C-alpha atoms as a PDB file:
ATOM      1  CA  MET A   1       5.316 -13.716 -44.330  1.00  0.00           C
ATOM      2  CA  ALA A   2       2.351 -11.777 -45.722  1.00  0.00           C
ATOM      3  CA  LYS A   3      -0.005 -13.789 -43.545  1.00  0.00           C
ATOM      4  CA  ARG A   4       2.055 -12.996 -40.448  1.00  0.00           C
ATOM      5  CA  LEU A   5       2.072  -9.280 -41.313  1.00  0.00           C
ATOM      6  CA  LEU A   6      -1.714  -9.299 -41.566  1.00  0.00           C
ATOM      7  CA  ALA A   7      -1.985 -11.142 -38.256  1.00  0.00           C
ATOM      8  CA  MET A   8       0.279  -8.665 -36.519  1.00  0.00           C
ATOM      9  CA  PHE A   9      -1.648  -5.669 -37.830  1.00  0.00           C
ATOM     10  CA  ALA A  10      -4.865  -7.321 -36.675  1.00  0.00           C
ATOM     11  CA  VAL A  11      -3.504  -7.726 -33.174  1.00  0.00           C
ATOM     12  CA  LEU A  12      -2.170  -4.170 -33.096  1.00  0.00           C
ATOM     13  CA  ALA A  13      -5.302  -2.501 -34.426  1.00  0.00           C
ATOM     14  CA  ALA A  14      -6.700   0.172 -32.104  1.00  0.00           C
ATOM     15  CA  SER A  15     -10.113  -0.401 -30.639  1.00  0.00           C
ATOM     16  CA  GLY A  16     -11.671   3.001 -31.324  1.00  0.00           C
ATOM     17  CA  SER A  17     -11.386   6.709 -30.638  1.00  0.00           C
ATOM     18  CA  ALA A  18     -10.027   7.952 -27.359  1.00  0.00           C
ATOM     19  CA  GLN A  19     -12.486   8.615 -24.574  1.00  0.00           C
ATOM     20  CA  TRP A  20     -11.507  12.272 -24.120  1.00  0.00           C
ATOM     21  CA  LEU A  21     -11.842  13.098 -27.813  1.00  0.00           C
ATOM     22  CA  ASP A  22     -11.646  16.851 -28.529  1.00  0.00           C
ATOM     23  CA  TYR A  23     -11.228  17.762 -24.869  1.00  0.00           C
ATOM     24  CA  PRO A  24      -8.995  20.893 -24.900  1.00  0.00           C
ATOM     25  CA  SER A  25      -5.681  20.097 -23.270  1.00  0.00           C
ATOM     26  CA  PRO A  26      -4.725  22.800 -20.721  1.00  0.00           C
ATOM     27  CA  GLY A  27      -1.651  24.792 -21.631  1.00  0.00           C
ATOM     28  CA  THR A  28      -1.903  24.083 -25.362  1.00  0.00           C
ATOM     29  CA  PRO A  29      -0.987  27.143 -27.479  1.00  0.00           C
ATOM     30  CA  ARG A  30      -3.733  28.036 -29.939  1.00  0.00           C
ATOM     31  CA  THR A  31      -4.025  29.699 -33.305  1.00  0.00           C
ATOM     32  CA  PRO A  32      -6.729  32.353 -33.766  1.00  0.00           C
ATOM     33  CA  ASP A  33      -9.200  29.707 -34.981  1.00  0.00           C
ATOM     34  CA  GLY A  34      -8.737  27.716 -31.730  1.00  0.00           C
ATOM     35  CA  LYS A  35      -6.665  24.883 -33.192  1.00  0.00           C
ATOM     36  CA  ALA A  36      -3.530  23.668 -31.439  1.00  0.00           C
ATOM     37  CA  ASN A  37      -0.474  25.576 -32.619  1.00  0.00           C
ATOM     38  CA  LEU A  38       1.920  22.671 -33.283  1.00  0.00           C
ATOM     39  CA  SER A  39       4.732  24.995 -34.402  1.00  0.00           C
ATOM     40  CA  ALA A  40       4.765  26.967 -31.134  1.00  0.00           C
ATOM     41  CA  PRO A  41       7.886  26.686 -28.934  1.00  0.00           C
ATOM     42  CA  ALA A  42       8.368  23.475 -26.992  1.00  0.00           C
ATOM     43  CA  PRO A  43       7.101  23.747 -23.396  1.00  0.00           C
ATOM     44  CA  ARG A  44       9.529  23.747 -20.483  1.00  0.00           C
ATOM     45  CA  ALA A  45       9.295  21.934 -17.148  1.00  0.00           C
ATOM     46  CA  ALA A  46       9.913  23.681 -13.814  1.00  0.00           C
ATOM     47  CA  ASP A  47      13.604  22.743 -13.996  1.00  0.00           C
ATOM     48  CA  GLY A  48      13.978  24.419 -17.367  1.00  0.00           C
ATOM     49  CA  LYS A  49      14.258  21.214 -19.371  1.00  0.00           C
ATOM     50  CA  PRO A  50      11.926  20.549 -22.283  1.00  0.00           C
ATOM     51  CA  ASP A  51       8.686  18.921 -21.175  1.00  0.00           C
ATOM     52  CA  LEU A  52       8.049  15.899 -23.383  1.00  0.00           C
ATOM     53  CA  SER A  53       4.598  15.239 -21.898  1.00  0.00           C
ATOM     54  CA  GLY A  54       1.747  14.591 -24.307  1.00  0.00           C
ATOM     55  CA  VAL A  55       0.107  12.016 -26.537  1.00  0.00           C
ATOM     56  CA  TRP A  56       2.404  11.162 -29.436  1.00  0.00           C
ATOM     57  CA  ARG A  57       2.514   8.861 -32.439  1.00  0.00           C
ATOM     58  CA  VAL A  58       5.366   7.786 -34.672  1.00  0.00           C
ATOM     59  CA  ALA A  59       5.180   9.663 -37.984  1.00  0.00           C
ATOM     60  CA  PRO A  60       4.242   7.274 -40.803  1.00  0.00           C
ATOM     61  CA  THR A  61       6.414   6.496 -43.781  1.00  0.00           C
ATOM     62  CA  PRO A  62       4.883   7.660 -47.116  1.00  0.00           C
ATOM     63  CA  LEU A  63       2.937   4.880 -48.792  1.00  0.00           C
ATOM     64  CA  ALA A  64       5.030   5.058 -51.954  1.00  0.00           C
ATOM     65  CA  GLU A  65       8.164   4.418 -49.923  1.00  0.00           C
ATOM     66  CA  MET A  66       6.501   1.528 -48.079  1.00  0.00           C
ATOM     67  CA  LYS A  67       5.561  -0.076 -51.395  1.00  0.00           C
ATOM     68  CA  ARG A  68       9.110   0.380 -52.706  1.00  0.00           C
ATOM     69  CA  LEU A  69      10.552  -1.287 -49.644  1.00  0.00           C
ATOM     70  CA  PHE A  70       8.055  -4.057 -48.974  1.00  0.00           C
ATOM     71  CA  GLY A  71       6.056  -4.575 -52.153  1.00  0.00           C
ATOM     72  CA  LYS A  72       3.639  -7.502 -51.791  1.00  0.00           C
ATOM     73  CA  LEU A  73       3.583  -7.232 -48.003  1.00  0.00           C
ATOM     74  CA  VAL A  74       2.069  -3.742 -48.336  1.00  0.00           C
ATOM     75  CA  ASP A  75      -0.385  -4.900 -50.983  1.00  0.00           C
ATOM     76  CA  ALA A  76      -1.549  -7.673 -48.671  1.00  0.00           C
ATOM     77  CA  ALA A  77      -1.977  -5.288 -45.748  1.00  0.00           C
ATOM     78  CA  GLU A  78      -3.891  -2.833 -47.935  1.00  0.00           C
ATOM     79  CA  SER A  79      -6.362  -5.557 -48.815  1.00  0.00           C
ATOM     80  CA  VAL A  80      -7.560  -5.736 -45.195  1.00  0.00           C
ATOM     81  CA  SER A  81     -10.107  -2.947 -44.756  1.00  0.00           C
ATOM     82  CA  VAL A  82     -10.260  -2.832 -40.975  1.00  0.00           C
ATOM     83  CA  PRO A  83     -10.054   0.602 -39.274  1.00  0.00           C
ATOM     84  CA  GLY A  84      -6.813   0.910 -37.338  1.00  0.00           C
ATOM     85  CA  MET A  85      -4.910  -1.487 -39.603  1.00  0.00           C
ATOM     86  CA  GLU A  86      -4.050   0.912 -42.439  1.00  0.00           C
ATOM     87  CA  ILE A  87      -0.497   0.370 -43.668  1.00  0.00           C
ATOM     88  CA  ASP A  88      -0.087   4.073 -44.454  1.00  0.00           C
ATOM     89  CA  ASP A  89      -0.319   4.840 -40.735  1.00  0.00           C
ATOM     90  CA  ALA A  90       2.808   2.774 -40.021  1.00  0.00           C
ATOM     91  CA  ASN A  91       6.504   3.605 -40.037  1.00  0.00           C
ATOM     92  CA  LYS A  92       8.870   1.427 -42.071  1.00  0.00           C
ATOM     93  CA  TYR A  93      10.903   0.446 -39.026  1.00  0.00           C
ATOM     94  CA  VAL A  94       7.964  -1.284 -37.292  1.00  0.00           C
ATOM     95  CA  ILE A  95       7.925  -3.694 -40.235  1.00  0.00           C
ATOM     96  CA  ASN A  96      11.707  -4.023 -40.623  1.00  0.00           C
ATOM     97  CA  VAL A  97      14.065  -2.347 -38.191  1.00  0.00           C
ATOM     98  CA  LEU A  98      16.856  -2.956 -40.729  1.00  0.00           C
ATOM     99  CA  ALA A  99      14.950  -1.276 -43.582  1.00  0.00           C
ATOM    100  CA  ASP A 100      17.895   1.052 -44.303  1.00  0.00           C
ATOM    101  CA  PHE A 101      20.222  -1.874 -45.095  1.00  0.00           C
ATOM    102  CA  LYS A 102      20.452  -3.875 -48.271  1.00  0.00           C
ATOM    103  CA  PRO A 103      19.749  -7.535 -47.375  1.00  0.00           C
ATOM    104  CA  GLU A 104      23.370  -8.467 -48.113  1.00  0.00           C
ATOM    105  CA  ASP A 105      24.649  -5.680 -45.841  1.00  0.00           C
ATOM    106  CA  ALA A 106      22.433  -6.393 -42.829  1.00  0.00           C
ATOM    107  CA  PRO A 107      24.678  -6.788 -39.748  1.00  0.00           C
ATOM    108  CA  LEU A 108      23.295 -10.176 -38.736  1.00  0.00           C
ATOM    109  CA  ARG A 109      25.461 -12.730 -36.985  1.00  0.00           C
ATOM    110  CA  PRO A 110      24.925 -16.351 -38.112  1.00  0.00           C
ATOM    111  CA  GLU A 111      22.669 -17.170 -35.136  1.00  0.00           C
ATOM    112  CA  ALA A 112      20.476 -14.122 -35.799  1.00  0.00           C
ATOM    113  CA  ALA A 113      20.303 -15.000 -39.506  1.00  0.00           C
ATOM    114  CA  ARG A 114      19.227 -18.534 -38.626  1.00  0.00           C
ATOM    115  CA  ILE A 115      16.446 -17.376 -36.291  1.00  0.00           C
ATOM    116  CA  PHE A 116      15.281 -14.749 -38.755  1.00  0.00           C
ATOM    117  CA  GLY A 117      15.219 -17.299 -41.561  1.00  0.00           C
ATOM    118  CA  GLU A 118      13.078 -19.668 -39.515  1.00  0.00           C
ATOM    119  CA  ARG A 119      10.658 -16.871 -38.731  1.00  0.00           C
ATOM    120  CA  ALA A 120      10.527 -15.780 -42.384  1.00  0.00           C
ATOM    121  CA  LYS A 121       9.476 -19.320 -43.355  1.00  0.00           C
ATOM    122  CA  GLY A 122       6.827 -19.317 -40.659  1.00  0.00           C
ATOM    123  CA  ASP A 123       8.557 -21.973 -38.614  1.00  0.00           C
ATOM    124  CA  VAL A 124       8.446 -19.830 -35.460  1.00  0.00           C
ATOM    125  CA  SER A 125       5.462 -17.713 -34.484  1.00  0.00           C
ATOM    126  CA  ASN A 126       5.333 -14.569 -32.390  1.00  0.00           C
ATOM    127  CA  PRO A 127       2.895 -15.506 -29.582  1.00  0.00           C
ATOM    128  CA  VAL A 128      -0.353 -13.593 -29.985  1.00  0.00           C
ATOM    129  CA  CYS A 129      -1.244 -11.154 -27.188  1.00  0.00           C
ATOM    130  CA  MET A 130       2.053 -11.444 -25.340  1.00  0.00           C
ATOM    131  CA  PRO A 131       3.973  -8.207 -24.660  1.00  0.00           C
ATOM    132  CA  LEU A 132       5.795  -7.003 -27.750  1.00  0.00           C
ATOM    133  CA  GLY A 133       8.956  -5.615 -26.156  1.00  0.00           C
ATOM    134  CA  PRO A 134      11.135  -2.998 -27.919  1.00  0.00           C
ATOM    135  CA  VAL A 135       9.007  -2.872 -31.066  1.00  0.00           C
ATOM    136  CA  THR A 136       6.206  -1.292 -28.974  1.00  0.00           C
ATOM    137  CA  GLN A 137       7.770   2.150 -29.317  1.00  0.00           C
ATOM    138  CA  LEU A 138       7.457   1.907 -33.132  1.00  0.00           C
ATOM    139  CA  LEU A 139       3.771   0.993 -33.276  1.00  0.00           C
ATOM    140  CA  PRO A 140       1.415   3.298 -35.186  1.00  0.00           C
ATOM    141  CA  ASP A 141      -0.845   3.461 -32.101  1.00  0.00           C
ATOM    142  CA  PRO A 142      -0.455   6.497 -29.840  1.00  0.00           C
ATOM    143  CA  HIS A 143       1.588   6.537 -26.671  1.00  0.00           C
ATOM    144  CA  LYS A 144       1.459   8.963 -23.783  1.00  0.00           C
ATOM    145  CA  ILE A 145       4.439  10.513 -22.038  1.00  0.00           C
ATOM    146  CA  VAL A 146       4.031  11.840 -18.505  1.00  0.00           C
ATOM    147  CA  GLN A 147       7.081  13.746 -17.310  1.00  0.00           C
ATOM    148  CA  ALA A 148       7.709  14.192 -13.582  1.00  0.00           C
ATOM    149  CA  PRO A 149      10.724  15.738 -11.825  1.00  0.00           C
ATOM    150  CA  ARG A 150      12.586  12.463 -11.257  1.00  0.00           C
ATOM    151  CA  GLN A 151      11.101  10.041 -13.741  1.00  0.00           C
ATOM    152  CA  MET A 152       9.158   9.748 -16.944  1.00  0.00           C
ATOM    153  CA  VAL A 153       6.380   7.250 -17.650  1.00  0.00           C
ATOM    154  CA  ILE A 154       5.543   6.143 -21.195  1.00  0.00           C
ATOM    155  CA  MET A 155       2.209   4.367 -21.682  1.00  0.00           C
ATOM    156  CA  TYR A 156       1.602   2.475 -24.921  1.00  0.00           C
ATOM    157  CA  GLU A 157      -1.956   2.072 -26.158  1.00  0.00           C
ATOM    158  CA  GLY A 158      -1.159  -0.571 -28.759  1.00  0.00           C
ATOM    159  CA  ASP A 159       0.480  -2.980 -26.347  1.00  0.00           C
ATOM    160  CA  GLY A 160      -1.185  -2.012 -23.082  1.00  0.00           C
ATOM    161  CA  THR A 161       2.249  -1.800 -21.471  1.00  0.00           C
ATOM    162  CA  HIS A 162       4.292   1.002 -19.907  1.00  0.00           C
ATOM    163  CA  ARG A 163       7.900   2.010 -19.239  1.00  0.00           C
ATOM    164  CA  GLN A 164       9.426   3.924 -16.349  1.00  0.00           C
ATOM    165  CA  VAL A 165      12.430   6.049 -17.296  1.00  0.00           C
ATOM    166  CA  TYR A 166      14.241   7.212 -14.156  1.00  0.00           C
ATOM    167  CA  THR A 167      15.893  10.650 -14.468  1.00  0.00           C
ATOM    168  CA  ASP A 168      16.978  10.993 -10.823  1.00  0.00           C
ATOM    169  CA  GLY A 169      20.661  10.313 -11.498  1.00  0.00           C
ATOM    170  CA  ARG A 170      20.669   6.554 -11.144  1.00  0.00           C
ATOM    171  CA  GLY A 171      22.306   4.360 -13.731  1.00  0.00           C
ATOM    172  CA  LEU A 172      21.206   1.011 -15.070  1.00  0.00           C
ATOM    173  CA  PRO A 173      21.372  -1.953 -12.675  1.00  0.00           C
ATOM    174  CA  LYS A 174      24.796  -3.618 -12.745  1.00  0.00           C
ATOM    175  CA  GLU A 175      23.228  -7.037 -12.497  1.00  0.00           C
ATOM    176  CA  ILE A 176      19.690  -7.800 -13.716  1.00  0.00           C
ATOM    177  CA  GLU A 177      18.247 -10.851 -12.030  1.00  0.00           C
ATOM    178  CA  GLN A 178      14.883 -10.720 -13.785  1.00  0.00           C
ATOM    179  CA  PRO A 179      14.953  -9.742 -17.484  1.00  0.00           C
ATOM    180  CA  ALA A 180      11.838  -7.782 -18.457  1.00  0.00           C
ATOM    181  CA  TRP A 181       9.661  -7.365 -21.537  1.00  0.00           C
ATOM    182  CA  GLN A 182      10.434  -3.628 -21.722  1.00  0.00           C
ATOM    183  CA  GLY A 183      13.813  -3.748 -19.962  1.00  0.00           C
ATOM    184  CA  TYR A 184      14.973  -1.208 -17.379  1.00  0.00           C
ATOM    185  CA  SER A 185      15.501   2.438 -18.318  1.00  0.00           C
ATOM    186  CA  ALA A 186      17.521   5.357 -16.963  1.00  0.00           C
ATOM    187  CA  GLY A 187      17.723   8.765 -18.596  1.00  0.00           C
ATOM    188  CA  LYS A 188      19.759  11.940 -18.429  1.00  0.00           C
ATOM    189  CA  TRP A 189      19.651  15.299 -20.167  1.00  0.00           C
ATOM    190  CA  GLU A 190      22.303  16.408 -22.609  1.00  0.00           C
ATOM    191  CA  GLY A 191      21.288  19.989 -23.239  1.00  0.00           C
ATOM    192  CA  ASP A 192      17.709  19.859 -24.524  1.00  0.00           C
ATOM    193  CA  THR A 193      17.954  16.187 -25.546  1.00  0.00           C
ATOM    194  CA  LEU A 194      16.846  13.358 -23.266  1.00  0.00           C
ATOM    195  CA  VAL A 195      19.154  10.338 -23.579  1.00  0.00           C
ATOM    196  CA  VAL A 196      17.662   7.071 -22.351  1.00  0.00           C
ATOM    197  CA  GLU A 197      19.637   3.858 -21.813  1.00  0.00           C
ATOM    198  CA  THR A 198      17.667   0.617 -21.596  1.00  0.00           C
ATOM    199  CA  ALA A 199      18.924  -2.890 -20.875  1.00  0.00           C
ATOM    200  CA  GLY A 200      17.741  -6.032 -19.115  1.00  0.00           C
ATOM    201  CA  PHE A 201      15.364  -7.275 -21.821  1.00  0.00           C
ATOM    202  CA  ASN A 202      14.286 -10.865 -22.009  1.00  0.00           C
ATOM    203  CA  ASP A 203      14.824 -12.536 -25.380  1.00  0.00           C
ATOM    204  CA  LYS A 204      11.191 -13.514 -26.006  1.00  0.00           C
ATOM    205  CA  THR A 205      10.288 -10.603 -28.288  1.00  0.00           C
ATOM    206  CA  TRP A 206      11.127  -9.431 -31.808  1.00  0.00           C
ATOM    207  CA  LEU A 207      12.614  -6.108 -32.880  1.00  0.00           C
ATOM    208  CA  ASP A 208      10.030  -5.750 -35.704  1.00  0.00           C
ATOM    209  CA  ILE A 209       7.087  -7.454 -37.374  1.00  0.00           C
ATOM    210  CA  VAL A 210       9.203  -9.503 -39.818  1.00  0.00           C
ATOM    211  CA  GLY A 211      11.026 -11.146 -36.932  1.00  0.00           C
ATOM    212  CA  HIS A 212      14.537  -9.783 -36.392  1.00  0.00           C
ATOM    213  CA  PRO A 213      15.682 -11.294 -33.092  1.00  0.00           C
ATOM    214  CA  HIS A 214      17.519  -9.975 -30.073  1.00  0.00           C
ATOM    215  CA  SER A 215      19.202 -11.556 -27.065  1.00  0.00           C
ATOM    216  CA  GLU A 216      19.233 -10.626 -23.426  1.00  0.00           C
ATOM    217  CA  ALA A 217      22.402  -8.666 -24.140  1.00  0.00           C
ATOM    218  CA  LEU A 218      20.390  -6.034 -26.060  1.00  0.00           C
ATOM    219  CA  HIS A 219      21.206  -2.462 -25.039  1.00  0.00           C
ATOM    220  CA  ILE A 220      19.134   0.379 -26.527  1.00  0.00           C
ATOM    221  CA  THR A 221      20.035   4.095 -26.497  1.00  0.00           C
ATOM    222  CA  GLU A 222      17.288   6.564 -27.327  1.00  0.00           C
ATOM    223  CA  ARG A 223      17.669  10.294 -27.876  1.00  0.00           C
ATOM    224  CA  TYR A 224      14.532  12.453 -27.687  1.00  0.00           C
ATOM    225  CA  HIS A 225      14.585  16.065 -28.892  1.00  0.00           C
ATOM    226  CA  ARG A 226      11.334  18.035 -28.856  1.00  0.00           C
ATOM    227  CA  VAL A 227      11.721  20.444 -31.766  1.00  0.00           C
ATOM    228  CA  ASP A 228       8.610  22.511 -31.057  1.00  0.00           C
ATOM    229  CA  PHE A 229       5.245  22.021 -29.484  1.00  0.00           C
ATOM    230  CA  GLY A 230       4.027  19.387 -31.938  1.00  0.00           C
ATOM    231  CA  HIS A 231       7.132  17.622 -33.224  1.00  0.00           C
ATOM    232  CA  MET A 232       9.855  15.449 -31.759  1.00  0.00           C
ATOM    233  CA  GLN A 233      12.925  13.851 -33.306  1.00  0.00           C
ATOM    234  CA  VAL A 234      13.910  10.403 -32.039  1.00  0.00           C
ATOM    235  CA  GLU A 235      17.136   8.475 -32.585  1.00  0.00           C
ATOM    236  CA  VAL A 236      17.374   4.853 -31.461  1.00  0.00           C
ATOM    237  CA  THR A 237      20.580   2.803 -31.414  1.00  0.00           C
ATOM    238  CA  TYR A 238      20.427  -0.974 -30.949  1.00  0.00           C
ATOM    239  CA  ASP A 239      23.507  -2.756 -29.636  1.00  0.00           C
ATOM    240  CA  ASP A 240      23.307  -6.530 -29.298  1.00  0.00           C
ATOM    241  CA  PRO A 241      26.749  -8.118 -29.791  1.00  0.00           C
ATOM    242  CA  GLN A 242      25.308 -11.635 -29.560  1.00  0.00           C
ATOM    243  CA  MET A 243      23.002 -11.121 -32.572  1.00  0.00           C
ATOM    244  CA  TYR A 244      24.492  -8.281 -34.617  1.00  0.00           C
ATOM    245  CA  THR A 245      27.996  -7.556 -35.859  1.00  0.00           C
ATOM    246  CA  LYS A 246      27.737  -3.839 -34.990  1.00  0.00           C
ATOM    247  CA  PRO A 247      25.295  -1.385 -33.418  1.00  0.00           C
ATOM    248  CA  PHE A 248      22.794   0.186 -35.811  1.00  0.00           C
ATOM    249  CA  THR A 249      20.697   3.350 -35.561  1.00  0.00           C
ATOM    250  CA  ILE A 250      17.271   4.398 -36.836  1.00  0.00           C
ATOM    251  CA  ARG A 251      15.865   7.916 -36.851  1.00  0.00           C
ATOM    252  CA  TYR A 252      12.236   8.967 -37.086  1.00  0.00           C
ATOM    253  CA  ALA A 253       9.860  11.751 -36.120  1.00  0.00           C
ATOM    254  CA  GLU A 254       7.006  11.758 -33.660  1.00  0.00           C
ATOM    255  CA  GLU A 255       3.889  13.927 -33.964  1.00  0.00           C
ATOM    256  CA  LEU A 256       1.839  15.304 -31.063  1.00  0.00           C
ATOM    257  CA  LEU A 257      -1.847  14.380 -30.994  1.00  0.00           C
ATOM    258  CA  PRO A 258      -3.417  17.352 -29.150  1.00  0.00           C
ATOM    259  CA  ASP A 259      -6.725  17.358 -27.305  1.00  0.00           C
ATOM    260  CA  THR A 260      -7.030  13.589 -27.065  1.00  0.00           C
ATOM    261  CA  ASP A 261      -5.888  10.643 -24.914  1.00  0.00           C
ATOM    262  CA  ILE A 262      -4.925   7.000 -25.195  1.00  0.00           C
ATOM    263  CA  LEU A 263      -7.319   4.117 -24.708  1.00  0.00           C
ATOM    264  CA  GLU A 264      -7.182   1.100 -22.484  1.00  0.00           C
ATOM    265  CA  PHE A 265      -6.399  -1.822 -24.757  1.00  0.00           C
ATOM    266  CA  VAL A 266      -6.374  -5.520 -23.805  1.00  0.00           C
ATOM    267  CA  CYS A 267      -5.246  -7.644 -26.735  1.00  0.00           C
ATOM    268  CA  ASN A 268      -7.074 -10.839 -25.858  1.00  0.00           C
ATOM    269  CA  GLU A 269     -10.363  -9.186 -24.917  1.00  0.00           C
ATOM    270  CA  ASN A 270     -12.953 -10.241 -27.521  1.00  0.00           C
ATOM    271  CA  GLU A 271     -10.139 -10.955 -29.993  1.00  0.00           C
ATOM    272  CA  LYS A 272     -11.482 -12.341 -33.275  1.00  0.00           C
ATOM    273  CA  ASP A 273      -9.186 -10.979 -35.979  1.00  0.00           C
ATOM    274  CA  VAL A 274      -6.302 -13.447 -36.062  1.00  0.00           C
ATOM    275  CA  ALA A 275      -8.465 -16.508 -36.712  1.00  0.00           C
ATOM    276  CA  HIS A 276     -10.013 -14.844 -39.771  1.00  0.00           C
ATOM    277  CA  VAL A 277      -6.641 -13.575 -41.043  1.00  0.00           C
ATOM    278  CA  ALA A 278      -5.144 -17.078 -40.721  1.00  0.00           C
ATOM    279  CA  GLN A 279      -7.773 -18.344 -43.219  1.00  0.00           C
ATOM    280  CA  LYS A 280      -6.584 -15.975 -45.982  1.00  0.00           C
END
């Protein structure tokens, strides 16, 4: 499993600094020394709703907590000194979406436990450079939210993929003929919280790096609340009755990255990391 963790971090490593590094973002509140004031009030869109636009990253889990949870896996990842692969930049849920459960309490159905066990032994690999699916939103790489009046677009640097979240009043499709890597998303506002429902995933991806599975029945509910200019609280509930005995929820923070942008990233372009990691 340690080898697979290293391989995944190699694939997900960012390729460098953003092109618009240190370009002042218009509309950003500033402190007297010119730095972005991340504790300023959250901006509002023309309709009065919070504007979630910006470049964000998932707040990392403290390294001591990562070592407590994952032990040797963290030690192995720390041994790889490649910029963009630092374990202390990651959140615990990208490694194990069930990190809050004791192993004996994890709500796995027998089929999910079987698949997870095969992956833990290395019997099944996660195809390199294929879209990563729901785990994309947990990556340590930045993602960019662009909020428009009737939809929101989320662009992920680490996976090179995007999501469209429709906020024009439509619901999810009643029948999904073509399951998708990122599913299909529709959102609505509940006060100042954006609630996003996503379904229609294919079953080709994992929920985390260690390999927890999901089926095409997966339904995800996300709740986004921008606390102030630089901080957002996110709650994600996974409901997959074919693989899990009950829905489960994770909660984490996101941090705004002001005055920067995301990069174009193509996983298989000049990719050389995985072959070297596989030799370790």
